[in-house]
All heavy atoms as atom14 arrays in JSON, in Angstrom:
{
  "sequence": "HRGELKSLLRNQAVVAGIGNAYSDEILWHARLNPQRRLSTLSLEDRH",
  "atom14_mask": [
    [1, 1, 1, 1, 1, 1, 1, 1, 1, 1, 0, 0, 0, 0],
    [1, 1, 1, 1, 1, 1, 1, 1, 1, 1, 1, 0, 0, 0],
    [1, 1, 1, 1, 0, 0, 0, 0, 0, 0, 0, 0, 0, 0],
    [1, 1, 1, 1, 1, 1, 1, 1, 1, 0, 0, 0, 0, 0],
    [1, 1, 1, 1, 1, 1, 1, 1, 0, 0, 0, 0, 0, 0],
    [1, 1, 1, 1, 1, 1, 1, 1, 1, 0, 0, 0, 0, 0],
    [1, 1, 1, 1, 1, 1, 0, 0, 0, 0, 0, 0, 0, 0],
    [1, 1, 1, 1, 1, 1, 1, 1, 0, 0, 0, 0, 0, 0],
    [1, 1, 1, 1, 1, 1, 1, 1, 0, 0, 0, 0, 0, 0],
    [1, 1, 1, 1, 1, 1, 1, 1, 1, 1, 1, 0, 0, 0],
    [1, 1, 1, 1, 1, 1, 1, 1, 0, 0, 0, 0, 0, 0],
    [1, 1, 1, 1, 1, 1, 1, 1, 1, 0, 0, 0, 0, 0],
    [1, 1, 1, 1, 1, 0, 0, 0, 0, 0, 0, 0, 0, 0],
    [1, 1, 1, 1, 1, 1, 1, 0, 0, 0, 0, 0, 0, 0],
    [1, 1, 1, 1, 1, 1, 1, 0, 0, 0, 0, 0, 0, 0],
    [1, 1, 1, 1, 1, 0, 0, 0, 0, 0, 0, 0, 0, 0],
    [1, 1, 1, 1, 0, 0, 0, 0, 0, 0, 0, 0, 0, 0],
    [1, 1, 1, 1, 1, 1, 1, 1, 0, 0, 0, 0, 0, 0],
    [1, 1, 1, 1, 0, 0, 0, 0, 0, 0, 0, 0, 0, 0],
    [1, 1, 1, 1, 1, 1, 1, 1, 0, 0, 0, 0, 0, 0],
    [1, 1, 1, 1, 1, 0, 0, 0, 0, 0, 0, 0, 0, 0],
    [1, 1, 1, 1, 1, 1, 1, 1, 1, 1, 1, 1, 0, 0],
    [1, 1, 1, 1, 1, 1, 0, 0, 0, 0, 0, 0, 0, 0],
    [1, 1, 1, 1, 1, 1, 1, 1, 0, 0, 0, 0, 0, 0],
    [1, 1, 1, 1, 1, 1, 1, 1, 1, 0, 0, 0, 0, 0],
    [1, 1, 1, 1, 1, 1, 1, 1, 0, 0, 0, 0, 0, 0],
    [1, 1, 1, 1, 1, 1, 1, 1, 0, 0, 0, 0, 0, 0],
    [1, 1, 1, 1, 1, 1, 1, 1, 1, 1, 1, 1, 1, 1],
    [1, 1, 1, 1, 1, 1, 1, 1, 1, 1, 0, 0, 0, 0],
    [1, 1, 1, 1, 1, 0, 0, 0, 0, 0, 0, 0, 0, 0],
    [1, 1, 1, 1, 1, 1, 1, 1, 1, 1, 1, 0, 0, 0],
    [1, 1, 1, 1, 1, 1, 1, 1, 0, 0, 0, 0, 0, 0],
    [1, 1, 1, 1, 1, 1, 1, 1, 0, 0, 0, 0, 0, 0],
    [1, 1, 1, 1, 1, 1, 1, 0, 0, 0, 0, 0, 0, 0],
    [1, 1, 1, 1, 1, 1, 1, 1, 1, 0, 0, 0, 0, 0],
    [1, 1, 1, 1, 1, 1, 1, 1, 1, 1, 1, 0, 0, 0],
    [1, 1, 1, 1, 1, 1, 1, 1, 1, 1, 1, 0, 0, 0],
    [1, 1, 1, 1, 1, 1, 1, 1, 0, 0, 0, 0, 0, 0],
    [1, 1, 1, 1, 1, 1, 0, 0, 0, 0, 0, 0, 0, 0],
    [1, 1, 1, 1, 1, 1, 1, 0, 0, 0, 0, 0, 0, 0],
    [1, 1, 1, 1, 1, 1, 1, 1, 0, 0, 0, 0, 0, 0],
    [1, 1, 1, 1, 1, 1, 0, 0, 0, 0, 0, 0, 0, 0],
    [1, 1, 1, 1, 1, 1, 1, 1, 0, 0, 0, 0, 0, 0],
    [1, 1, 1, 1, 1, 1, 1, 1, 1, 0, 0, 0, 0, 0],
    [1, 1, 1, 1, 1, 1, 1, 1, 0, 0, 0, 0, 0, 0],
    [1, 1, 1, 1, 1, 1, 1, 1, 1, 1, 1, 0, 0, 0],
    [1, 1, 1, 1, 1, 1, 1, 1, 1, 1, 0, 0, 0, 0]
  ],
  "atom14_positions": [
    [[183.93, -5.45, 46.25], [184.43, -4.76, 47.44], [184.83, -3.33, 47.11], [185.56, -3.09, 46.15], [185.64, -5.51, 48.01], [186.07, -5.02, 49.35], [185.49, -5.44, 50.52], [187.03, -4.13, 49.7], [186.08, -4.84, 51.54], [187.02, -4.03, 51.07], [0.0, 0.0, 0.0], [0.0, 0.0, 0.0], [0.0, 0.0, 0.0], [0.0, 0.0, 0.0]],
    [[184.35, -2.39, 47.88], [184.59, -0.97, 47.6], [185.52, -0.32, 48.63], [185.86, 0.85, 48.5], [183.26, -0.21, 47.57], [182.33, -0.65, 46.43], [182.92, -0.28, 45.08], [182.09, -0.75, 43.99], [182.28, -1.88, 43.32], [183.29, -2.67, 43.65], [181.49, -2.23, 42.34], [0.0, 0.0, 0.0], [0.0, 0.0, 0.0], [0.0, 0.0, 0.0]],
    [[185.89, -1.05, 49.67], [186.7, -0.46, 50.72], [188.19, -0.56, 50.43], [188.63, -0.89, 49.33], [0.0, 0.0, 0.0], [0.0, 0.0, 0.0], [0.0, 0.0, 0.0], [0.0, 0.0, 0.0], [0.0, 0.0, 0.0], [0.0, 0.0, 0.0], [0.0, 0.0, 0.0], [0.0, 0.0, 0.0], [0.0, 0.0, 0.0], [0.0, 0.0, 0.0]],
    [[188.97, -0.27, 51.46], [190.42, -0.34, 51.35], [190.9, -1.79, 51.36], [190.2, -2.68, 51.83], [191.06, 0.44, 52.5], [190.73, 1.93, 52.47], [191.3, 2.69, 53.65], [191.74, 2.03, 54.63], [191.3, 3.93, 53.61], [0.0, 0.0, 0.0], [0.0, 0.0, 0.0], [0.0, 0.0, 0.0], [0.0, 0.0, 0.0], [0.0, 0.0, 0.0]],
    [[192.1, -2.0, 50.86], [192.62, -3.37, 50.73], [192.72, -4.08, 52.07], [192.45, -5.28, 52.16], [193.99, -3.34, 50.05], [194.01, -2.89, 48.59], [195.43, -2.93, 48.06], [193.08, -3.75, 47.74], [0.0, 0.0, 0.0], [0.0, 0.0, 0.0], [0.0, 0.0, 0.0], [0.0, 0.0, 0.0], [0.0, 0.0, 0.0], [0.0, 0.0, 0.0]],
    [[193.12, -3.35, 53.11], [193.25, -4.03, 54.4], [191.9, -4.51, 54.9], [191.79, -5.63, 55.42], [193.9, -3.11, 55.43], [194.03, -3.8, 56.79], [195.09, -3.23, 57.67], [195.18, -4.02, 58.96], [196.28, -3.58, 59.83], [0.0, 0.0, 0.0], [0.0, 0.0, 0.0], [0.0, 0.0, 0.0], [0.0, 0.0, 0.0], [0.0, 0.0, 0.0]],
    [[190.87, -3.7, 54.76], [189.54, -4.14, 55.21], [189.02, -5.29, 54.35], [188.28, -6.15, 54.84], [188.55, -2.97, 55.19], [188.31, -2.51, 53.88], [0.0, 0.0, 0.0], [0.0, 0.0, 0.0], [0.0, 0.0, 0.0], [0.0, 0.0, 0.0], [0.0, 0.0, 0.0], [0.0, 0.0, 0.0], [0.0, 0.0, 0.0], [0.0, 0.0, 0.0]],
    [[189.41, -5.33, 53.09], [189.03, -6.46, 52.23], [189.59, -7.76, 52.77], [188.87, -8.76, 52.92], [189.55, -6.2, 50.81], [189.24, -7.23, 49.72], [189.28, -6.57, 48.35], [190.25, -8.39, 49.72], [0.0, 0.0, 0.0], [0.0, 0.0, 0.0], [0.0, 0.0, 0.0], [0.0, 0.0, 0.0], [0.0, 0.0, 0.0], [0.0, 0.0, 0.0]],
    [[190.88, -7.77, 53.09], [191.52, -8.99, 53.58], [190.97, -9.42, 54.93], [190.92, -10.62, 55.24], [193.03, -8.78, 53.69], [193.81, -8.67, 52.38], [195.27, -8.34, 52.65], [193.7, -9.96, 51.56], [0.0, 0.0, 0.0], [0.0, 0.0, 0.0], [0.0, 0.0, 0.0], [0.0, 0.0, 0.0], [0.0, 0.0, 0.0], [0.0, 0.0, 0.0]],
    [[190.55, -8.47, 55.76], [190.05, -8.79, 57.1], [188.57, -9.17, 57.1], [188.04, -9.59, 58.12], [190.26, -7.61, 58.03], [191.73, -7.27, 58.27], [191.87, -6.12, 59.23], [191.36, -6.46, 60.55], [191.19, -5.6, 61.54], [191.48, -4.32, 61.36], [190.73, -5.99, 62.7], [0.0, 0.0, 0.0], [0.0, 0.0, 0.0], [0.0, 0.0, 0.0]],
    [[187.9, -8.99, 55.97], [186.46, -9.28, 55.88], [186.25, -10.79, 55.8], [186.53, -11.42, 54.78], [185.9, -8.58, 54.65], [184.38, -8.66, 54.59], [183.77, -9.57, 55.14], [183.77, -7.72, 53.89], [0.0, 0.0, 0.0], [0.0, 0.0, 0.0], [0.0, 0.0, 0.0], [0.0, 0.0, 0.0], [0.0, 0.0, 0.0], [0.0, 0.0, 0.0]],
    [[185.74, -11.37, 56.87], [185.59, -12.83, 56.94], [184.55, -13.36, 55.97], [184.52, -14.57, 55.69], [185.25, -13.25, 58.37], [186.28, -12.85, 59.41], [187.67, -13.38, 59.1], [187.92, -14.58, 59.12], [188.61, -12.48, 58.8], [0.0, 0.0, 0.0], [0.0, 0.0, 0.0], [0.0, 0.0, 0.0], [0.0, 0.0, 0.0], [0.0, 0.0, 0.0]],
    [[183.69, -12.5, 55.46], [182.72, -12.93, 54.46], [183.35, -13.02, 53.07], [182.79, -13.66, 52.17], [181.53, -11.97, 54.42], [0.0, 0.0, 0.0], [0.0, 0.0, 0.0], [0.0, 0.0, 0.0], [0.0, 0.0, 0.0], [0.0, 0.0, 0.0], [0.0, 0.0, 0.0], [0.0, 0.0, 0.0], [0.0, 0.0, 0.0], [0.0, 0.0, 0.0]],
    [[184.52, -12.41, 52.9], [185.24, -12.5, 51.62], [186.14, -13.73, 51.65], [186.0, -14.64, 50.84], [186.07, -11.22, 51.36], [186.88, -11.36, 50.08], [185.14, -10.01, 51.26], [0.0, 0.0, 0.0], [0.0, 0.0, 0.0], [0.0, 0.0, 0.0], [0.0, 0.0, 0.0], [0.0, 0.0, 0.0], [0.0, 0.0, 0.0], [0.0, 0.0, 0.0]],
    [[187.09, -13.75, 52.57], [187.91, -14.94, 52.84], [188.07, -15.03, 54.34], [188.14, -14.01, 55.03], [189.29, -14.89, 52.15], [189.16, -15.06, 50.65], [190.03, -13.62, 52.49], [0.0, 0.0, 0.0], [0.0, 0.0, 0.0], [0.0, 0.0, 0.0], [0.0, 0.0, 0.0], [0.0, 0.0, 0.0], [0.0, 0.0, 0.0], [0.0, 0.0, 0.0]],
    [[188.16, -16.23, 54.86], [188.18, -16.44, 56.3], [189.59, -16.75, 56.8], [190.36, -17.45, 56.14], [187.24, -17.58, 56.69], [0.0, 0.0, 0.0], [0.0, 0.0, 0.0], [0.0, 0.0, 0.0], [0.0, 0.0, 0.0], [0.0, 0.0, 0.0], [0.0, 0.0, 0.0], [0.0, 0.0, 0.0], [0.0, 0.0, 0.0], [0.0, 0.0, 0.0]],
    [[189.92, -16.19, 57.98], [191.14, -16.55, 58.67], [192.17, -15.45, 58.82], [193.13, -15.6, 59.57], [0.0, 0.0, 0.0], [0.0, 0.0, 0.0], [0.0, 0.0, 0.0], [0.0, 0.0, 0.0], [0.0, 0.0, 0.0], [0.0, 0.0, 0.0], [0.0, 0.0, 0.0], [0.0, 0.0, 0.0], [0.0, 0.0, 0.0], [0.0, 0.0, 0.0]],
    [[191.99, -14.34, 58.09], [192.98, -13.27, 58.11], [192.51, -12.14, 59.02], [191.34, -11.74, 58.96], [193.23, -12.7, 56.69], [193.65, -13.81, 55.73], [194.29, -11.6, 56.73], [193.68, -13.39, 54.28], [0.0, 0.0, 0.0], [0.0, 0.0, 0.0], [0.0, 0.0, 0.0], [0.0, 0.0, 0.0], [0.0, 0.0, 0.0], [0.0, 0.0, 0.0]],
    [[193.41, -11.62, 59.84], [193.08, -10.52, 60.73], [194.03, -9.35, 60.55], [194.63, -9.17, 59.47], [0.0, 0.0, 0.0], [0.0, 0.0, 0.0], [0.0, 0.0, 0.0], [0.0, 0.0, 0.0], [0.0, 0.0, 0.0], [0.0, 0.0, 0.0], [0.0, 0.0, 0.0], [0.0, 0.0, 0.0], [0.0, 0.0, 0.0], [0.0, 0.0, 0.0]],
    [[194.21, -8.59, 61.6], [194.97, -7.35, 61.53], [196.44, -7.58, 61.2], [197.03, -6.89, 60.36], [194.85, -6.6, 62.85], [195.42, -5.2, 62.78], [195.06, -4.43, 61.91], [196.31, -4.87, 63.7], [0.0, 0.0, 0.0], [0.0, 0.0, 0.0], [0.0, 0.0, 0.0], [0.0, 0.0, 0.0], [0.0, 0.0, 0.0], [0.0, 0.0, 0.0]],
    [[197.07, -8.54, 61.85], [198.51, -8.74, 61.7], [198.87, -9.28, 60.32], [199.75, -8.74, 59.62], [199.03, -9.67, 62.78], [0.0, 0.0, 0.0], [0.0, 0.0, 0.0], [0.0, 0.0, 0.0], [0.0, 0.0, 0.0], [0.0, 0.0, 0.0], [0.0, 0.0, 0.0], [0.0, 0.0, 0.0], [0.0, 0.0, 0.0], [0.0, 0.0, 0.0]],
    [[198.22, -10.35, 59.91], [198.61, -10.99, 58.66], [198.15, -10.2, 57.44], [198.75, -10.33, 56.36], [198.14, -12.44, 58.63], [199.0, -13.31, 59.52], [198.62, -13.59, 60.82], [200.23, -13.77, 59.08], [199.44, -14.34, 61.66], [201.05, -14.53, 59.91], [200.65, -14.81, 61.2], [201.47, -15.54, 62.03], [0.0, 0.0, 0.0], [0.0, 0.0, 0.0]],
    [[197.14, -9.37, 57.57], [196.79, -8.49, 56.45], [197.93, -7.51, 56.21], [198.27, -7.2, 55.05], [195.47, -7.76, 56.71], [195.52, -7.02, 57.91], [0.0, 0.0, 0.0], [0.0, 0.0, 0.0], [0.0, 0.0, 0.0], [0.0, 0.0, 0.0], [0.0, 0.0, 0.0], [0.0, 0.0, 0.0], [0.0, 0.0, 0.0], [0.0, 0.0, 0.0]],
    [[198.58, -7.01, 57.27], [199.75, -6.15, 57.11], [200.87, -6.88, 56.36], [201.49, -6.34, 55.44], [200.29, -5.7, 58.47], [199.46, -4.59, 59.11], [198.55, -4.05, 58.45], [199.73, -4.27, 60.28], [0.0, 0.0, 0.0], [0.0, 0.0, 0.0], [0.0, 0.0, 0.0], [0.0, 0.0, 0.0], [0.0, 0.0, 0.0], [0.0, 0.0, 0.0]],
    [[201.12, -8.12, 56.78], [202.2, -8.89, 56.15], [201.92, -9.18, 54.68], [202.81, -9.09, 53.83], [202.4, -10.21, 56.91], [202.99, -10.05, 58.29], [204.43, -9.54, 58.25], [205.31, -10.25, 57.72], [204.66, -8.41, 58.73], [0.0, 0.0, 0.0], [0.0, 0.0, 0.0], [0.0, 0.0, 0.0], [0.0, 0.0, 0.0], [0.0, 0.0, 0.0]],
    [[200.68, -9.54, 54.38], [200.31, -9.86, 53.0], [200.47, -8.64, 52.1], [201.04, -8.73, 51.0], [198.86, -10.38, 52.95], [198.78, -11.76, 53.61], [198.34, -10.44, 51.51], [197.36, -12.2, 53.94], [0.0, 0.0, 0.0], [0.0, 0.0, 0.0], [0.0, 0.0, 0.0], [0.0, 0.0, 0.0], [0.0, 0.0, 0.0], [0.0, 0.0, 0.0]],
    [[200.01, -7.49, 52.56], [200.08, -6.28, 51.74], [201.53, -5.81, 51.59], [201.91, -5.29, 50.53], [199.2, -5.19, 52.35], [197.71, -5.5, 52.23], [196.88, -4.55, 53.1], [197.25, -5.41, 50.78], [0.0, 0.0, 0.0], [0.0, 0.0, 0.0], [0.0, 0.0, 0.0], [0.0, 0.0, 0.0], [0.0, 0.0, 0.0], [0.0, 0.0, 0.0]],
    [[202.35, -5.98, 52.63], [203.78, -5.66, 52.49], [204.42, -6.57, 51.44], [205.17, -6.1, 50.58], [204.48, -5.81, 53.84], [205.95, -5.5, 53.77], [206.54, -4.27, 53.84], [207.02, -6.45, 53.6], [207.91, -4.39, 53.72], [208.24, -5.7, 53.57], [207.07, -7.83, 53.47], [209.47, -6.32, 53.43], [208.3, -8.44, 53.32], [209.49, -7.69, 53.29]],
    [[204.12, -7.86, 51.53], [204.7, -8.82, 50.59], [204.28, -8.5, 49.16], [205.07, -8.63, 48.21], [204.24, -10.24, 50.98], [204.92, -11.33, 50.23], [204.49, -11.78, 49.0], [206.01, -12.09, 50.54], [205.25, -12.77, 48.59], [206.21, -12.97, 49.5], [0.0, 0.0, 0.0], [0.0, 0.0, 0.0], [0.0, 0.0, 0.0], [0.0, 0.0, 0.0]],
    [[203.02, -8.04, 48.99], [202.5, -7.71, 47.65], [202.91, -6.33, 47.18], [202.59, -5.94, 46.05], [200.98, -7.83, 47.67], [0.0, 0.0, 0.0], [0.0, 0.0, 0.0], [0.0, 0.0, 0.0], [0.0, 0.0, 0.0], [0.0, 0.0, 0.0], [0.0, 0.0, 0.0], [0.0, 0.0, 0.0], [0.0, 0.0, 0.0], [0.0, 0.0, 0.0]],
    [[203.59, -5.55, 48.06], [204.0, -4.17, 47.76], [202.79, -3.27, 47.5], [202.85, -2.36, 46.65], [204.95, -4.14, 46.56], [206.28, -4.86, 46.8], [207.13, -4.89, 45.55], [208.42, -5.56, 45.78], [209.57, -4.94, 46.03], [209.6, -3.62, 46.07], [210.68, -5.63, 46.22], [0.0, 0.0, 0.0], [0.0, 0.0, 0.0], [0.0, 0.0, 0.0]],
    [[201.72, -3.5, 48.24], [200.5, -2.71, 48.06], [200.2, -1.91, 49.32], [200.28, -2.44, 50.44], [199.31, -3.62, 47.74], [199.39, -4.38, 46.41], [198.26, -5.4, 46.31], [199.35, -3.41, 45.23], [0.0, 0.0, 0.0], [0.0, 0.0, 0.0], [0.0, 0.0, 0.0], [0.0, 0.0, 0.0], [0.0, 0.0, 0.0], [0.0, 0.0, 0.0]],
    [[199.84, -0.66, 49.15], [199.48, 0.21, 50.27], [198.13, -0.23, 50.84], [197.17, -0.42, 50.09], [199.4, 1.67, 49.79], [199.26, 2.65, 50.93], [198.29, 2.61, 51.69], [200.21, 3.56, 51.06], [0.0, 0.0, 0.0], [0.0, 0.0, 0.0], [0.0, 0.0, 0.0], [0.0, 0.0, 0.0], [0.0, 0.0, 0.0], [0.0, 0.0, 0.0]],
    [[198.03, -0.42, 52.16], [196.78, -0.9, 52.76], [195.6, 0.05, 52.56], [194.44, -0.37, 52.67], [197.12, -1.04, 54.24], [198.32, -0.18, 54.45], [199.08, -0.23, 53.17], [0.0, 0.0, 0.0], [0.0, 0.0, 0.0], [0.0, 0.0, 0.0], [0.0, 0.0, 0.0], [0.0, 0.0, 0.0], [0.0, 0.0, 0.0], [0.0, 0.0, 0.0]],
    [[195.86, 1.33, 52.25], [194.79, 2.3, 52.08], [194.26, 2.38, 50.65], [193.29, 3.07, 50.4], [195.27, 3.68, 52.53], [195.62, 3.75, 54.01], [196.2, 5.09, 54.39], [197.22, 5.52, 53.87], [195.53, 5.76, 55.31], [0.0, 0.0, 0.0], [0.0, 0.0, 0.0], [0.0, 0.0, 0.0], [0.0, 0.0, 0.0], [0.0, 0.0, 0.0]],
    [[194.9, 1.65, 49.76], [194.41, 1.65, 48.38], [193.09, 0.91, 48.27], [192.78, 0.03, 49.07], [195.43, 1.0, 47.44], [196.58, 1.9, 47.09], [197.49, 1.25, 46.08], [196.85, 1.02, 44.78], [197.49, 0.49, 43.73], [198.76, 0.13, 43.84], [196.87, 0.32, 42.59], [0.0, 0.0, 0.0], [0.0, 0.0, 0.0], [0.0, 0.0, 0.0]],
    [[192.33, 1.25, 47.27], [191.06, 0.58, 47.0], [191.23, -0.4, 45.84], [192.09, -0.22, 44.97], [189.97, 1.59, 46.7], [189.65, 2.47, 47.91], [188.54, 3.46, 47.65], [188.27, 4.24, 48.86], [187.42, 3.89, 49.8], [186.73, 2.75, 49.67], [187.23, 4.64, 50.86], [0.0, 0.0, 0.0], [0.0, 0.0, 0.0], [0.0, 0.0, 0.0]],
    [[190.4, -1.43, 45.85], [190.51, -2.48, 44.84], [190.42, -1.91, 43.43], [191.1, -2.38, 42.51], [189.41, -3.52, 45.07], [189.42, -4.72, 44.14], [190.63, -5.58, 44.4], [188.14, -5.53, 44.3], [0.0, 0.0, 0.0], [0.0, 0.0, 0.0], [0.0, 0.0, 0.0], [0.0, 0.0, 0.0], [0.0, 0.0, 0.0], [0.0, 0.0, 0.0]],
    [[189.59, -0.9, 43.24], [189.37, -0.34, 41.9], [190.63, 0.26, 41.3], [190.71, 0.46, 40.09], [188.26, 0.71, 41.95], [188.61, 1.76, 42.84], [0.0, 0.0, 0.0], [0.0, 0.0, 0.0], [0.0, 0.0, 0.0], [0.0, 0.0, 0.0], [0.0, 0.0, 0.0], [0.0, 0.0, 0.0], [0.0, 0.0, 0.0], [0.0, 0.0, 0.0]],
    [[191.64, 0.54, 42.14], [192.87, 1.15, 41.63], [193.9, 0.1, 41.22], [194.97, 0.48, 40.7], [193.5, 2.07, 42.69], [194.02, 1.28, 43.77], [192.47, 3.06, 43.22], [0.0, 0.0, 0.0], [0.0, 0.0, 0.0], [0.0, 0.0, 0.0], [0.0, 0.0, 0.0], [0.0, 0.0, 0.0], [0.0, 0.0, 0.0], [0.0, 0.0, 0.0]],
    [[193.63, -1.17, 41.44], [194.63, -2.2, 41.19], [194.64, -2.63, 39.73], [193.58, -2.82, 39.11], [194.38, -3.43, 42.07], [194.41, -3.25, 43.59], [194.42, -4.61, 44.26], [195.59, -2.42, 44.04], [0.0, 0.0, 0.0], [0.0, 0.0, 0.0], [0.0, 0.0, 0.0], [0.0, 0.0, 0.0], [0.0, 0.0, 0.0], [0.0, 0.0, 0.0]],
    [[195.82, -2.84, 39.22], [195.96, -3.43, 37.9], [195.76, -4.95, 38.01], [195.71, -5.51, 39.11], [197.35, -3.14, 37.34], [198.35, -3.8, 38.13], [0.0, 0.0, 0.0], [0.0, 0.0, 0.0], [0.0, 0.0, 0.0], [0.0, 0.0, 0.0], [0.0, 0.0, 0.0], [0.0, 0.0, 0.0], [0.0, 0.0, 0.0], [0.0, 0.0, 0.0]],
    [[195.69, -5.62, 36.87], [195.58, -7.07, 36.88], [196.8, -7.69, 37.56], [196.69, -8.66, 38.33], [195.45, -7.6, 35.45], [195.31, -9.11, 35.3], [194.06, -9.63, 36.02], [195.26, -9.49, 33.81], [0.0, 0.0, 0.0], [0.0, 0.0, 0.0], [0.0, 0.0, 0.0], [0.0, 0.0, 0.0], [0.0, 0.0, 0.0], [0.0, 0.0, 0.0]],
    [[197.95, -7.11, 37.32], [199.19, -7.6, 37.95], [199.12, -7.44, 39.47], [199.53, -8.33, 40.23], [200.39, -6.84, 37.41], [201.72, -7.31, 37.97], [202.89, -6.53, 37.41], [202.66, -5.59, 36.62], [204.04, -6.86, 37.76], [0.0, 0.0, 0.0], [0.0, 0.0, 0.0], [0.0, 0.0, 0.0], [0.0, 0.0, 0.0], [0.0, 0.0, 0.0]],
    [[198.59, -6.3, 39.93], [198.43, -6.07, 41.37], [197.5, -7.09, 42.0], [197.75, -7.58, 43.12], [197.86, -4.67, 41.63], [198.84, -3.55, 41.31], [200.06, -3.79, 41.36], [198.36, -2.43, 41.02], [0.0, 0.0, 0.0], [0.0, 0.0, 0.0], [0.0, 0.0, 0.0], [0.0, 0.0, 0.0], [0.0, 0.0, 0.0], [0.0, 0.0, 0.0]],
    [[196.42, -7.42, 41.31], [195.45, -8.38, 41.85], [196.07, -9.76, 41.98], [195.83, -10.48, 42.95], [194.2, -8.42, 40.98], [193.41, -7.12, 41.02], [192.15, -7.18, 40.17], [191.47, -5.9, 40.17], [190.15, -5.75, 40.32], [189.38, -6.8, 40.5], [189.61, -4.55, 40.3], [0.0, 0.0, 0.0], [0.0, 0.0, 0.0], [0.0, 0.0, 0.0]],
    [[196.85, -10.14, 40.99], [197.55, -11.43, 41.09], [198.56, -11.4, 42.24], [198.71, -12.39, 42.97], [198.26, -11.75, 39.78], [197.38, -12.41, 38.76], [197.07, -13.74, 38.81], [196.73, -11.9, 37.68], [196.29, -14.06, 37.8], [196.06, -12.96, 37.1], [0.0, 0.0, 0.0], [0.0, 0.0, 0.0], [0.0, 0.0, 0.0], [0.0, 0.0, 0.0]]
  ]
}
């Protein structure tokens, strides 16, 4: 995945069931900015 984290979570071909609202909640809980890209994440961030 090369896009932003929020679009990753909302991509139903990646994982199914997450949309606009819960992607916000997940990223807040993970302390990750929704505009970040996957390539910038550390192993700890991915977990």
